[in-house]
Amino acid sequence: MESWCFMNDYNPFVCNHLLEAKKAKAMTIASLRYSIDDARGCIANGIDTYNKYIDQIGIYMAELLRRGAK
């Protein structure tokens, strides 16, 4: 198996879905909304080459929906 496949490898350009989901569960609703807005800003400025911020938005939105917030 290639070394880039291991979970403990950190790549700042790729979203680690398991880590982000765990982090999202500990975030407040305000923090989730702020992070979504921040990620949208990165996308608008062309800083999302590997779709990291699109993935983060999906994870944070799913957490908001799970909590019943929109």
Protein backbone atom coordinates (compact mmCIF):
# COMPACT_ATOMS: atom_id res chain seq x y z
CA MET A 1 0.00 0.00 0.00
CA GLU A 2 1.24 3.46 -0.86
CA SER A 3 2.30 5.67 2.05
CA TRP A 4 -0.19 8.40 1.03
CA CYS A 5 -3.07 6.05 1.91
CA PHE A 6 -2.41 5.95 5.63
CA MET A 7 -4.81 7.85 7.89
CA ASN A 8 -2.04 9.53 9.90
CA ASP A 9 -0.54 11.21 6.82
CA TYR A 10 -1.54 14.85 6.65
CA ASN A 11 -2.17 16.53 3.34
CA PRO A 12 -3.33 20.15 3.74
CA PHE A 13 -4.98 20.12 0.30
CA VAL A 14 -7.24 17.08 0.81
CA CYS A 15 -10.16 16.76 3.22
CA ASN A 16 -9.85 13.95 5.76
CA HIS A 17 -13.54 13.05 6.03
CA LEU A 18 -13.27 11.07 9.26
CA LEU A 19 -11.28 13.77 11.03
CA GLU A 20 -13.58 16.56 9.80
CA ALA A 21 -16.72 14.67 10.86
CA LYS A 22 -15.26 14.10 14.32
CA LYS A 23 -14.29 17.77 14.55
CA ALA A 24 -17.75 18.87 13.37
CA LYS A 25 -19.46 16.96 16.17
CA ALA A 26 -17.54 19.04 18.73
CA MET A 27 -18.21 22.39 17.03
CA THR A 28 -20.98 24.79 18.00
CA ILE A 29 -23.68 25.67 15.47
CA ALA A 30 -22.13 29.13 15.15
CA SER A 31 -18.72 27.59 14.49
CA LEU A 32 -20.15 25.29 11.85
CA ARG A 33 -21.84 28.19 10.09
CA TYR A 34 -18.67 30.30 10.25
CA SER A 35 -16.60 27.44 8.83
CA ILE A 36 -19.10 26.96 6.00
CA ASP A 37 -18.91 30.67 5.15
CA ASP A 38 -15.10 30.55 5.33
CA ALA A 39 -14.97 27.54 3.00
CA ARG A 40 -17.33 29.27 0.57
CA GLY A 41 -15.00 32.27 0.57
CA CYS A 42 -12.04 30.03 -0.27
CA ILE A 43 -13.98 28.50 -3.15
CA ALA A 44 -14.99 31.95 -4.42
CA ASN A 45 -11.33 33.00 -4.39
CA GLY A 46 -10.21 29.90 -6.32
CA ILE A 47 -8.39 28.23 -3.43
CA ASP A 48 -10.12 24.83 -3.75
CA THR A 49 -7.94 22.92 -6.19
CA TYR A 50 -8.61 19.47 -4.70
CA ASN A 51 -12.22 20.12 -3.54
CA LYS A 52 -11.20 20.19 0.13
CA TYR A 53 -13.55 23.04 0.95
CA ILE A 54 -16.45 21.57 -0.97
CA ASP A 55 -16.03 18.39 1.07
CA GLN A 56 -15.85 20.38 4.32
CA ILE A 57 -19.06 22.22 3.49
CA GLY A 58 -20.82 18.91 2.93
CA ILE A 59 -19.62 17.51 6.23
CA TYR A 60 -20.53 20.64 8.19
CA MET A 61 -23.94 20.90 6.51
CA ALA A 62 -24.63 17.25 7.35
CA GLU A 63 -23.80 17.98 11.00
CA LEU A 64 -26.11 21.00 11.03
CA LEU A 65 -28.92 18.88 9.55
CA ARG A 66 -28.26 16.11 12.06
CA ARG A 67 -28.75 18.67 14.84
CA GLY A 68 -31.89 20.04 13.22
CA ALA A 69 -30.30 23.42 12.44
CA LYS A 70 -30.13 24.95 9.00
